[in-house]
C-alpha atoms as a PDB file:
ATOM      1  CA  MET A   1      -4.943  29.660   5.258  1.00  0.00           C
ATOM      2  CA  PHE A   2      -3.354  27.333   3.311  1.00  0.00           C
ATOM      3  CA  ASN A   3      -2.864  27.146  -0.917  1.00  0.00           C
ATOM      4  CA  PHE A   4      -1.639  24.667  -3.133  1.00  0.00           C
ATOM      5  CA  SER A   5      -0.228  24.928  -6.189  1.00  0.00           C
ATOM      6  CA  VAL A   6      -1.286  22.397  -9.162  1.00  0.00           C
ATOM      7  CA  TYR A   7       1.638  22.185 -11.808  1.00  0.00           C
ATOM      8  CA  ASN A   8       1.072  20.381 -15.250  1.00  0.00           C
ATOM      9  CA  ALA A   9       4.158  17.578 -16.632  1.00  0.00           C
ATOM     10  CA  ALA A  10       5.942  20.850 -17.862  1.00  0.00           C
ATOM     11  CA  GLY A  11       6.041  22.256 -14.516  1.00  0.00           C
ATOM     12  CA  VAL A  12       4.000  25.118 -14.907  1.00  0.00           C
ATOM     13  CA  GLU A  13       1.451  26.109 -12.399  1.00  0.00           C
ATOM     14  CA  VAL A  14      -2.113  25.609 -13.964  1.00  0.00           C
ATOM     15  CA  ASP A  15      -3.933  25.701 -11.062  1.00  0.00           C
ATOM     16  CA  ARG A  16      -4.407  27.062  -7.384  1.00  0.00           C
ATOM     17  CA  HIS A  17      -6.960  26.232  -4.323  1.00  0.00           C
ATOM     18  CA  SER A  18      -7.201  27.448  -0.828  1.00  0.00           C
ATOM     19  CA  ILE A  19      -8.438  25.959   2.556  1.00  0.00           C
ATOM     20  CA  ASN A  20      -9.144  27.973   5.501  1.00  0.00           C
ATOM     21  CA  ASP A  21      -7.053  26.127   7.743  1.00  0.00           C
ATOM     22  CA  GLU A  22      -3.250  26.112   8.770  1.00  0.00           C
ATOM     23  CA  LEU A  23      -1.298  23.040   7.491  1.00  0.00           C
ATOM     24  CA  THR A  24       2.051  21.284   7.895  1.00  0.00           C
ATOM     25  CA  TYR A  25       3.719  19.016   5.877  1.00  0.00           C
ATOM     26  CA  VAL A  26       4.052  15.572   7.519  1.00  0.00           C
ATOM     27  CA  ASP A  27       5.130  13.050   5.155  1.00  0.00           C
ATOM     28  CA  GLY A  28       3.779  11.097   1.939  1.00  0.00           C
ATOM     29  CA  ARG A  29       0.573  13.238   1.006  1.00  0.00           C
ATOM     30  CA  VAL A  30      -0.614  13.860   4.257  1.00  0.00           C
ATOM     31  CA  HIS A  31      -0.901  17.323   6.098  1.00  0.00           C
ATOM     32  CA  ARG A  32      -1.766  18.186   9.106  1.00  0.00           C
ATOM     33  CA  GLY A  33      -4.478  20.895   9.873  1.00  0.00           C
ATOM     34  CA  LYS A  34      -5.049  22.760  13.316  1.00  0.00           C
ATOM     35  CA  ASN A  35      -8.051  19.884  14.316  1.00  0.00           C
ATOM     36  CA  CYS A  36      -7.629  17.451  11.542  1.00  0.00           C
ATOM     37  CA  TYR A  37      -5.512  15.900   8.557  1.00  0.00           C
ATOM     38  CA  TYR A  38      -5.396  16.413   4.797  1.00  0.00           C
ATOM     39  CA  LYS A  39      -4.542  13.410   2.548  1.00  0.00           C
ATOM     40  CA  GLY A  40      -3.852  15.071  -1.053  1.00  0.00           C
ATOM     41  CA  VAL A  41      -3.525  18.339  -0.900  1.00  0.00           C
ATOM     42  CA  GLY A  42       0.649  18.318  -2.497  1.00  0.00           C
ATOM     43  CA  VAL A  43       3.862  17.428  -1.847  1.00  0.00           C
ATOM     44  CA  PRO A  44       7.144  18.963  -1.891  1.00  0.00           C
ATOM     45  CA  TYR A  45       8.564  17.074  -4.852  1.00  0.00           C
ATOM     46  CA  THR A  46      11.424  14.807  -4.504  1.00  0.00           C
ATOM     47  CA  GLN A  47      10.900  12.060  -7.327  1.00  0.00           C
ATOM     48  CA  HIS A  48       8.534   9.465  -9.041  1.00  0.00           C
ATOM     49  CA  THR A  49       8.378   6.245 -10.899  1.00  0.00           C
ATOM     50  CA  LEU A  50       8.157   5.443 -14.511  1.00  0.00           C
ATOM     51  CA  ASP A  51       6.475   2.665 -16.690  1.00  0.00           C
ATOM     52  CA  ARG A  52       9.728   0.049 -17.458  1.00  0.00           C
ATOM     53  CA  SER A  53       7.654  -0.722 -20.873  1.00  0.00           C
ATOM     54  CA  ALA A  54       7.093   2.974 -21.628  1.00  0.00           C
ATOM     55  CA  ILE A  55       9.629   5.189 -20.504  1.00  0.00           C
ATOM     56  CA  PRO A  56       9.534   8.504 -22.081  1.00  0.00           C
ATOM     57  CA  ASP A  57      12.468  10.983 -23.073  1.00  0.00           C
ATOM     58  CA  LEU A  58      14.811  10.723 -19.848  1.00  0.00           C
ATOM     59  CA  ALA A  59      16.256  13.823 -20.932  1.00  0.00           C
ATOM     60  CA  GLU A  60      13.372  15.631 -18.906  1.00  0.00           C
ATOM     61  CA  TYR A  61      14.537  13.505 -15.883  1.00  0.00           C
ATOM     62  CA  GLU A  62      17.223  12.650 -13.688  1.00  0.00           C
ATOM     63  CA  VAL A  63      17.982   8.811 -12.878  1.00  0.00           C
ATOM     64  CA  LEU A  64      18.221   7.957  -9.424  1.00  0.00           C
ATOM     65  CA  CYS A  65      18.283   4.722  -8.646  1.00  0.00           C
ATOM     66  CA  ASP A  66      16.034   1.278 -10.028  1.00  0.00           C
ATOM     67  CA  SER A  67      13.008   0.712  -8.160  1.00  0.00           C
ATOM     68  CA  ASN A  68      13.932  -3.170  -7.888  1.00  0.00           C
ATOM     69  CA  LEU A  69      10.339  -4.051  -8.773  1.00  0.00           C
ATOM     70  CA  ILE A  70       9.579  -6.153 -11.889  1.00  0.00           C
ATOM     71  CA  TYR A  71       6.521  -3.729 -13.638  1.00  0.00           C
ATOM     72  CA  ILE A  72       7.788  -0.329 -12.453  1.00  0.00           C
ATOM     73  CA  GLY A  73      10.849   1.279 -14.063  1.00  0.00           C
ATOM     74  CA  PRO A  74      13.186   3.647 -12.458  1.00  0.00           C
ATOM     75  CA  VAL A  75      13.186   5.935  -9.807  1.00  0.00           C
ATOM     76  CA  VAL A  76      13.440   9.207 -11.282  1.00  0.00           C
ATOM     77  CA  SER A  77      13.326  13.497 -10.156  1.00  0.00           C
ATOM     78  CA  LYS A  78      11.711  15.262 -13.073  1.00  0.00           C
ATOM     79  CA  ARG A  79      13.806  18.487 -13.900  1.00  0.00           C
ATOM     80  CA  CYS A  80      10.966  20.985 -13.984  1.00  0.00           C
ATOM     81  CA  PHE A  81       9.407  19.636 -10.701  1.00  0.00           C
ATOM     82  CA  VAL A  82      12.343  19.934  -8.397  1.00  0.00           C
ATOM     83  CA  GLY A  83      12.324  22.556  -5.730  1.00  0.00           C
ATOM     84  CA  LYS A  84       8.061  22.684  -6.462  1.00  0.00           C
ATOM     85  CA  THR A  85       5.625  21.927  -3.854  1.00  0.00           C
ATOM     86  CA  GLY A  86       2.140  20.948  -4.793  1.00  0.00           C
ATOM     87  CA  VAL A  87       0.219  18.220  -6.980  1.00  0.00           C
ATOM     88  CA  PHE A  88       2.033  17.513 -10.272  1.00  0.00           C
ATOM     89  CA  GLN A  89       0.013  16.198 -13.194  1.00  0.00           C
ATOM     90  CA  GLU A  90       2.112  13.441 -13.828  1.00  0.00           C
ATOM     91  CA  LEU A  91       1.328   9.612 -12.454  1.00  0.00           C
ATOM     92  CA  TYR A  92       3.658   8.880  -8.877  1.00  0.00           C
ATOM     93  CA  GLN A  93       3.977   5.470 -10.184  1.00  0.00           C
ATOM     94  CA  PRO A  94       2.696   3.485 -13.282  1.00  0.00           C
ATOM     95  CA  PHE A  95      -0.563   1.450 -12.594  1.00  0.00           C
ATOM     96  CA  TYR A  96      -2.127   4.377 -10.413  1.00  0.00           C
ATOM     97  CA  PRO A  97      -4.010   6.846 -11.555  1.00  0.00           C
ATOM     98  CA  ASP A  98      -3.158   9.198  -8.743  1.00  0.00           C
ATOM     99  CA  PHE A  99      -1.371  12.573  -9.459  1.00  0.00           C
ATOM    100  CA  ILE A 100       1.857  13.197  -7.788  1.00  0.00           C
ATOM    101  CA  GLY A 101       0.468  14.407  -4.141  1.00  0.00           C
ATOM    102  CA  SER A 102      -3.254  14.210  -4.748  1.00  0.00           C
ATOM    103  CA  CYS A 103      -5.313  11.137  -4.132  1.00  0.00           C
ATOM    104  CA  SER A 104      -7.471   9.610  -7.460  1.00  0.00           C
ATOM    105  CA  ILE A 105     -10.811   7.380  -7.782  1.00  0.00           C
ATOM    106  CA  LYS A 106      -8.697   4.796  -6.252  1.00  0.00           C
ATOM    107  CA  GLU A 107      -8.613   6.340  -2.557  1.00  0.00           C
ATOM    108  CA  GLY A 108     -12.502   6.311  -2.759  1.00  0.00           C
ATOM    109  CA  LEU A 109     -12.846   2.798  -0.411  1.00  0.00           C
ATOM    110  CA  ILE A 110     -11.272   4.902   2.709  1.00  0.00           C
ATOM    111  CA  VAL A 111     -14.579   6.223   3.417  1.00  0.00           C
ATOM    112  CA  ILE A 112     -16.712   3.386   3.344  1.00  0.00           C
ATOM    113  CA  ASN A 113     -14.004   0.874   4.784  1.00  0.00           C
ATOM    114  CA  SER A 114     -13.250   3.468   7.190  1.00  0.00           C
ATOM    115  CA  LEU A 115     -16.766   2.865   8.796  1.00  0.00           C
ATOM    116  CA  THR A 116     -17.255  -0.645   7.802  1.00  0.00           C
ATOM    117  CA  PHE A 117     -13.731  -2.331   9.065  1.00  0.00           C
ATOM    118  CA  GLU A 118     -13.759  -2.147  13.039  1.00  0.00           C
ATOM    119  CA  LYS A 119      -9.881  -2.210  13.442  1.00  0.00           C
ATOM    120  CA  SER A 120      -9.681   1.020  11.251  1.00  0.00           C
ATOM    121  CA  SER A 121      -7.329   4.222  12.351  1.00  0.00           C
ATOM    122  CA  VAL A 122      -8.546   6.822  10.048  1.00  0.00           C
ATOM    123  CA  GLU A 123     -12.084   8.980  10.465  1.00  0.00           C
ATOM    124  CA  VAL A 124     -13.189  10.800   7.194  1.00  0.00           C
ATOM    125  CA  PHE A 125     -14.681  13.976   7.217  1.00  0.00           C
ATOM    126  CA  ASP A 126     -15.041  14.930   3.766  1.00  0.00           C
ATOM    127  CA  CYS A 127     -14.219  14.429   0.274  1.00  0.00           C
ATOM    128  CA  ILE A 128     -13.551  17.583  -2.313  1.00  0.00           C
ATOM    129  CA  GLU A 129     -12.938  17.006  -5.825  1.00  0.00           C
ATOM    130  CA  PHE A 130     -11.159  19.575  -6.950  1.00  0.00           C
ATOM    131  CA  ASP A 131      -9.628  18.541 -10.190  1.00  0.00           C
ATOM    132  CA  LYS A 132     -12.464  16.944 -12.010  1.00  0.00           C
ATOM    133  CA  GLN A 133     -11.524  16.492 -15.588  1.00  0.00           C
ATOM    134  CA  ASN A 134      -8.439  13.796 -14.184  1.00  0.00           C
ATOM    135  CA  GLN A 135     -10.953  12.931 -11.031  1.00  0.00           C
ATOM    136  CA  GLN A 136      -8.333  13.949  -8.280  1.00  0.00           C
ATOM    137  CA  HIS A 137      -9.180  14.364  -5.061  1.00  0.00           C
ATOM    138  CA  TYR A 138      -8.202  15.369  -1.122  1.00  0.00           C
ATOM    139  CA  TYR A 139      -9.868  14.044   2.183  1.00  0.00           C
ATOM    140  CA  ILE A 140     -10.588  15.914   5.322  1.00  0.00           C
ATOM    141  CA  LEU A 141      -9.686  13.126   8.491  1.00  0.00           C
ATOM    142  CA  ASP A 142      -8.244  12.402  11.493  1.00  0.00           C
ATOM    143  CA  TYR A 143      -5.992   9.268  12.862  1.00  0.00           C
ATOM    144  CA  ASN A 144      -6.979   8.013  16.223  1.00  0.00           C
ATOM    145  CA  CYS A 145      -3.487   6.714  16.383  1.00  0.00           C
ATOM    146  CA  GLY A 146      -1.921   9.699  15.685  1.00  0.00           C
ATOM    147  CA  ARG A 147      -0.102   8.737  12.774  1.00  0.00           C
ATOM    148  CA  ARG A 148       2.146   6.516  15.308  1.00  0.00           C
ATOM    149  CA  HIS A 149       3.342   3.029  13.303  1.00  0.00           C
ATOM    150  CA  TYR A 150       3.906  -0.091  14.641  1.00  0.00           C
ATOM    151  CA  ALA A 151       7.297  -0.772  13.336  1.00  0.00           C
ATOM    152  CA  VAL A 152       8.442   2.654  14.421  1.00  0.00           C
ATOM    153  CA  HIS A 153       6.705   3.421  17.472  1.00  0.00           C
ATOM    154  CA  ASP A 154       7.437   0.474  19.741  1.00  0.00           C
ATOM    155  CA  GLY A 155       4.075  -1.558  18.514  1.00  0.00           C
ATOM    156  CA  LYS A 156       3.256  -4.874  20.414  1.00  0.00           C
ATOM    157  CA  PRO A 157       3.499  -8.458  19.341  1.00  0.00           C
ATOM    158  CA  GLN A 158       0.514  -9.203  20.398  1.00  0.00           C
ATOM    159  CA  ASP A 159      -1.401  -6.173  19.240  1.00  0.00           C
ATOM    160  CA  LEU A 160      -0.345  -7.238  15.557  1.00  0.00           C
ATOM    161  CA  ARG A 161      -1.574 -10.812  15.923  1.00  0.00           C
ATOM    162  CA  GLU A 162      -5.347  -9.666  16.907  1.00  0.00           C
ATOM    163  CA  LEU A 163      -4.810  -7.429  13.974  1.00  0.00           C
ATOM    164  CA  VAL A 164      -3.909 -10.336  11.649  1.00  0.00           C
ATOM    165  CA  ASP A 165      -6.326 -12.808  13.408  1.00  0.00           C
ATOM    166  CA  PHE A 166      -9.370 -10.025  13.405  1.00  0.00           C
ATOM    167  CA  MET A 167      -8.710  -9.657   9.612  1.00  0.00           C
ATOM    168  CA  LEU A 168      -8.942 -13.703   8.754  1.00  0.00           C
ATOM    169  CA  GLN A 169     -11.630 -14.249  11.034  1.00  0.00           C
ATOM    170  CA  ASN A 170     -13.561 -11.452   9.508  1.00  0.00           C
ATOM    171  CA  ASN A 171     -12.884 -11.725   5.873  1.00  0.00           C
ATOM    172  CA  TRP A 172     -10.843  -8.212   5.407  1.00  0.00           C
ATOM    173  CA  ASN A 173      -7.832  -8.731   3.556  1.00  0.00           C
ATOM    174  CA  PHE A 174      -4.670  -6.828   2.365  1.00  0.00           C
ATOM    175  CA  LEU A 175      -3.241  -6.628  -1.345  1.00  0.00           C
ATOM    176  CA  TRP A 176      -0.799  -9.224  -1.351  1.00  0.00           C
ATOM    177  CA  ASP A 177       2.345  -7.081  -2.491  1.00  0.00           C
ATOM    178  CA  LYS A 178       1.250  -4.402  -0.387  1.00  0.00           C
ATOM    179  CA  GLN A 179       4.205  -2.992   2.478  1.00  0.00           C
ATOM    180  CA  ALA A 180       0.830  -3.635   4.769  1.00  0.00           C
ATOM    181  CA  ILE A 181       3.555  -3.441   7.943  1.00  0.00           C
ATOM    182  CA  LYS A 182       3.375   0.897   6.704  1.00  0.00           C
ATOM    183  CA  ASP A 183      -0.235   0.783   7.352  1.00  0.00           C
ATOM    184  CA  ILE A 184      -0.295  -0.492  10.859  1.00  0.00           C
ATOM    185  CA  THR A 185      -0.431   1.517  13.607  1.00  0.00           C
ATOM    186  CA  ALA A 186       1.077   0.931  17.168  1.00  0.00           C
ATOM    187  CA  ASP A 187      -1.938  -0.056  18.863  1.00  0.00           C
ATOM    188  CA  GLY A 188      -2.556  -2.843  16.162  1.00  0.00           C
ATOM    189  CA  ARG A 189      -5.188  -0.796  13.828  1.00  0.00           C
ATOM    190  CA  VAL A 190      -5.039   0.332  10.147  1.00  0.00           C
ATOM    191  CA  SER A 191      -3.931   3.996   9.062  1.00  0.00           C
ATOM    192  CA  ASP A 192      -4.771   3.416   5.333  1.00  0.00           C
ATOM    193  CA  VAL A 193      -7.953   1.789   4.576  1.00  0.00           C
ATOM    194  CA  ALA A 194      -8.489   2.648   1.209  1.00  0.00           C
ATOM    195  CA  ASP A 195      -6.251  -0.439  -0.026  1.00  0.00           C
ATOM    196  CA  LEU A 196      -8.616  -2.896   2.118  1.00  0.00           C
ATOM    197  CA  PHE A 197     -11.133  -5.191   0.637  1.00  0.00           C
ATOM    198  CA  GLN A 198     -13.453  -8.025   1.889  1.00  0.00           C
ATOM    199  CA  SER A 199     -13.267 -11.776   0.530  1.00  0.00           C
ATOM    200  CA  ASN A 200     -13.251 -15.548   2.254  1.00  0.00           C
ATOM    201  CA  GLU A 201     -11.379 -16.020  -0.365  1.00  0.00           C
ATOM    202  CA  LEU A 202      -8.315 -18.784   0.412  1.00  0.00           C
ATOM    203  CA  LYS A 203      -5.925 -16.950  -1.968  1.00  0.00           C
ATOM    204  CA  HIS A 204      -6.918 -13.580  -0.169  1.00  0.00           C
ATOM    205  CA  LYS A 205      -6.295 -15.137   3.183  1.00  0.00           C
ATOM    206  CA  LEU A 206      -2.649 -16.179   2.363  1.00  0.00           C
ATOM    207  CA  GLY A 207      -1.727 -13.095   0.823  1.00  0.00           C
ATOM    208  CA  THR A 208      -2.913 -10.699   3.650  1.00  0.00           C
ATOM    209  CA  VAL A 209      -0.471 -12.589   5.819  1.00  0.00           C
ATOM    210  CA  TYR A 210       2.167 -12.766   3.221  1.00  0.00           C
ATOM    211  CA  ALA A 211       1.729  -9.286   3.225  1.00  0.00           C
ATOM    212  CA  VAL A 212       2.273  -8.370   6.720  1.00  0.00           C
ATOM    213  CA  LEU A 213       5.251 -10.594   7.148  1.00  0.00           C
ATOM    214  CA  TYR A 214       7.338  -9.820   3.977  1.00  0.00           C
ATOM    215  CA  SER A 215       6.907  -6.562   4.853  1.00  0.00           C
ATOM    216  CA  LEU A 216       7.824  -6.058   8.235  1.00  0.00           C
ATOM    217  CA  GLY A 217      10.799  -8.868   7.710  1.00  0.00           C
ATOM    218  CA  ASN A 218      12.148  -6.568   4.835  1.00  0.00           C
ATOM    219  CA  LEU A 219      11.920  -3.150   6.128  1.00  0.00           C
ATOM    220  CA  TYR A 220      11.868  -3.690   9.944  1.00  0.00           C
ATOM    221  CA  PRO A 221      13.972  -7.099  10.596  1.00  0.00           C
ATOM    222  CA  GLU A 222      14.206  -6.354  14.146  1.00  0.00           C
ATOM    223  CA  LYS A 223      10.304  -6.193  14.698  1.00  0.00           C
ATOM    224  CA  TYR A 224       9.636  -9.272  12.313  1.00  0.00           C
ATOM    225  CA  GLN A 225      12.016 -11.144  14.973  1.00  0.00           C
ATOM    226  CA  GLU A 226      10.378 -10.022  17.887  1.00  0.00           C
ATOM    227  CA  PHE A 227       6.977 -10.641  16.396  1.00  0.00           C
ATOM    228  CA  LEU A 228       8.320 -14.213  15.061  1.00  0.00           C
ATOM    229  CA  ARG A 229       9.608 -14.983  18.567  1.00  0.00           C
ATOM    230  CA  TYR A 230       5.920 -14.047  20.277  1.00  0.00           C
ATOM    231  CA  MET A 231       4.711 -16.593  17.453  1.00  0.00           C
ATOM    232  CA  ASP A 232       6.801 -19.234  17.989  1.00  0.00           C
ATOM    233  CA  LEU A 233       7.897 -19.399  14.793  1.00  0.00           C
ATOM    234  CA  LYS A 234      11.447 -19.397  12.473  1.00  0.00           C
ATOM    235  CA  HIS A 235      12.990 -17.885   9.661  1.00  0.00           C
ATOM    236  CA  GLU A 236      15.179 -19.732   7.992  1.00  0.00           C
ATOM    237  CA  SER A 237      14.980 -18.329   3.929  1.00  0.00           C
ATOM    238  CA  ASN A 238      12.881 -16.642   2.306  1.00  0.00           C
ATOM    239  CA  LEU A 239      10.893 -19.724   2.060  1.00  0.00           C
ATOM    240  CA  SER A 240       9.524 -18.988   5.957  1.00  0.00           C
ATOM    241  CA  TYR A 241       7.222 -16.030   4.994  1.00  0.00           C
ATOM    242  CA  VAL A 242       5.082 -18.435   2.749  1.00  0.00           C
ATOM    243  CA  LEU A 243       5.361 -20.911   4.569  1.00  0.00           C
ATOM    244  CA  ASN A 244       4.936 -19.177   8.369  1.00  0.00           C
ATOM    245  CA  SER A 245       1.544 -17.590   6.602  1.00  0.00           C
ATOM    246  CA  LEU A 246       0.533 -21.053   6.044  1.00  0.00           C
ATOM    247  CA  LEU A 247       0.917 -21.599   9.875  1.00  0.00           C
ATOM    248  CA  ILE A 248      -0.954 -18.634  10.952  1.00  0.00           C
ATOM    249  CA  LEU A 249      -3.728 -19.409   8.865  1.00  0.00           C
ATOM    250  CA  ARG A 250      -4.109 -22.895   9.996  1.00  0.00           C
ATOM    251  CA  ASP A 251      -4.156 -21.451  13.828  1.00  0.00           C
ATOM    252  CA  ASN A 252      -6.791 -19.278  12.683  1.00  0.00           C
ATOM    253  CA  ASN A 253      -8.927 -22.186  11.460  1.00  0.00           C
ATOM    254  CA  VAL A 254      -8.151 -21.867   7.831  1.00  0.00           C
ATOM    255  CA  ASP A 255      -8.516 -24.530   5.813  1.00  0.00           C
ATOM    256  CA  ILE A 256      -4.917 -24.714   3.893  1.00  0.00           C
ATOM    257  CA  THR A 257      -5.358 -28.538   2.461  1.00  0.00           C
ATOM    258  CA  PRO A 258      -5.504 -26.900  -1.323  1.00  0.00           C
ATOM    259  CA  LEU A 259      -2.164 -25.369  -0.571  1.00  0.00           C
ATOM    260  CA  LEU A 260      -0.459 -28.492   0.538  1.00  0.00           C
ATOM    261  CA  PRO A 261      -1.176 -31.425  -2.696  1.00  0.00           C
ATOM    262  CA  THR A 262       1.741 -33.486  -2.215  1.00  0.00           C
ATOM    263  CA  GLY A 263       4.352 -34.784   0.322  1.00  0.00           C
ATOM    264  CA  SER A 264       7.111 -32.175  -0.106  1.00  0.00           C
ATOM    265  CA  MET A 265       7.243 -28.845   1.274  1.00  0.00           C
ATOM    266  CA  SER A 266       9.725 -27.566  -1.524  1.00  0.00           C
ATOM    267  CA  GLU A 267       6.579 -28.335  -4.012  1.00  0.00           C
ATOM    268  CA  ASN A 268       3.673 -27.009  -1.948  1.00  0.00           C
ATOM    269  CA  TYR A 269       5.652 -23.992  -1.598  1.00  0.00           C
ATOM    270  CA  LYS A 270       5.750 -23.503  -4.958  1.00  0.00           C
ATOM    271  CA  HIS A 271       2.125 -24.753  -5.801  1.00  0.00           C
ATOM    272  CA  THR A 272       1.306 -22.253  -3.014  1.00  0.00           C
ATOM    273  CA  VAL A 273       2.914 -19.151  -4.519  1.00  0.00           C
ATOM    274  CA  ARG A 274       1.789 -20.043  -8.322  1.00  0.00           C
ATOM    275  CA  GLU A 275      -1.454 -21.131  -7.971  1.00  0.00           C
ATOM    276  CA  PHE A 276      -2.638 -19.233  -4.826  1.00  0.00           C
ATOM    277  CA  LEU A 277      -0.477 -16.272  -3.621  1.00  0.00           C
ATOM    278  CA  LEU A 278       0.212 -14.591  -6.962  1.00  0.00           C
ATOM    279  CA  GLN A 279      -3.720 -15.191  -8.259  1.00  0.00           C
ATOM    280  CA  GLY A 280      -4.608 -12.651  -4.997  1.00  0.00           C
ATOM    281  CA  LYS A 281      -5.132  -9.158  -5.614  1.00  0.00           C
ATOM    282  CA  ASN A 282      -1.913  -6.943  -6.219  1.00  0.00           C
ATOM    283  CA  CYS A 283      -1.352  -3.430  -5.602  1.00  0.00           C
ATOM    284  CA  ALA A 284      -2.033  -3.370  -9.230  1.00  0.00           C
ATOM    285  CA  HIS A 285      -5.263  -4.197  -8.829  1.00  0.00           C
ATOM    286  CA  CYS A 286      -6.367  -2.309  -6.568  1.00  0.00           C
ATOM    287  CA  ALA A 287      -8.752  -2.861  -3.741  1.00  0.00           C
ATOM    288  CA  CYS A 288     -11.889  -1.326  -5.744  1.00  0.00           C
ATOM    289  CA  ASP A 289     -12.309  -3.796  -8.788  1.00  0.00           C
ATOM    290  CA  LEU A 290     -12.004  -0.666 -11.036  1.00  0.00           C
ATOM    291  CA  PHE A 291      -8.299  -1.945 -12.622  1.00  0.00           C
ATOM    292  CA  LYS A 292      -8.508  -5.652 -13.120  1.00  0.00           C
ATOM    293  CA  HIS A 293      -6.914  -5.439 -16.253  1.00  0.00           C
ATOM    294  CA  GLN A 294      -3.894  -3.812 -14.954  1.00  0.00           C
ATOM    295  CA  GLY A 295      -3.843  -6.168 -12.079  1.00  0.00           C
ATOM    296  CA  ASP A 296      -3.461  -9.149 -14.154  1.00  0.00           C
ATOM    297  CA  GLN A 297      -0.818  -8.020 -16.531  1.00  0.00           C
ATOM    298  CA  VAL A 298       1.175  -7.323 -13.432  1.00  0.00           C
ATOM    299  CA  ARG A 299       0.417 -10.675 -12.288  1.00  0.00           C
ATOM    300  CA  ASP A 300       1.425 -12.281 -15.609  1.00  0.00           C
ATOM    301  CA  LYS A 301       5.112 -10.477 -14.882  1.00  0.00           C
ATOM    302  CA  TYR A 302       5.182 -11.891 -11.515  1.00  0.00           C
ATOM    303  CA  LEU A 303       4.480 -15.024 -12.797  1.00  0.00           C
ATOM    304  CA  ALA A 304       6.978 -14.564 -15.943  1.00  0.00           C
ATOM    305  CA  ALA A 305       9.857 -13.724 -13.090  1.00  0.00           C
ATOM    306  CA  LEU A 306       9.370 -16.815 -11.206  1.00  0.00           C
ATOM    307  CA  GLU A 307      12.694 -19.345 -11.426  1.00  0.00           C
ATOM    308  CA  PHE A 308      10.524 -22.375 -10.741  1.00  0.00           C
END
């Protein structure tokens, strides 16, 4: 029998739930049971982030570092949560309705996407709403990949290319600023399909390739270089994340002429970033279209931060 506690913002236990299984914590919000996995049944608390524009009384927190994201404030550890494990009734990140350790309605697309996205590595068995007032859930599921991820478990570049090609050709998309490579498995599938969405719009196809290249290059440089060699691409500067994305789009017969209005590579880059990439769905939009206003706010912050 596994029990997880729910703590309020003061760190006081306000609820407790039981699951008839033996669970072991894996990572993120995921635990492993005897025959399946559970997502959203709590975490050993370590840290979370605050809203830069509405930072509360920091006396309750230890500031660990800056998040380096323009729309999120510092990474903090809340003193009254330290040493506890469970679900905590405070947002894990601003702009997301998930409490620390649980899943909100934002995660709901995981069910339909696991059935309709052919390269899904997740199978969902059930969704349990344990907090109706705050719309918090946990999921019972399984991962065909055994939670073996591309960059950590020696994924092959041909499998990553096959996934990207499949997504472009079938109008499946990542959010453009998501660390997409963390959700790609060693066998070229997607383990977290909740943030996938369908669209044939150029801005979203561009964002999909960019999300893969940028996250791979920043988080796993050696695997990024391996993939570039396989694709016969080069990386010369941060512009290459966008320019290489265009080449991959072109190779998939996506019409990129709207991204190339001038004869200047520099001007085309600026145009592509401002008028297409940043206009696509970001993580604050989420994939489910319920958070358009928040996503637009974040888009405007990205636009304002551009230096061109």
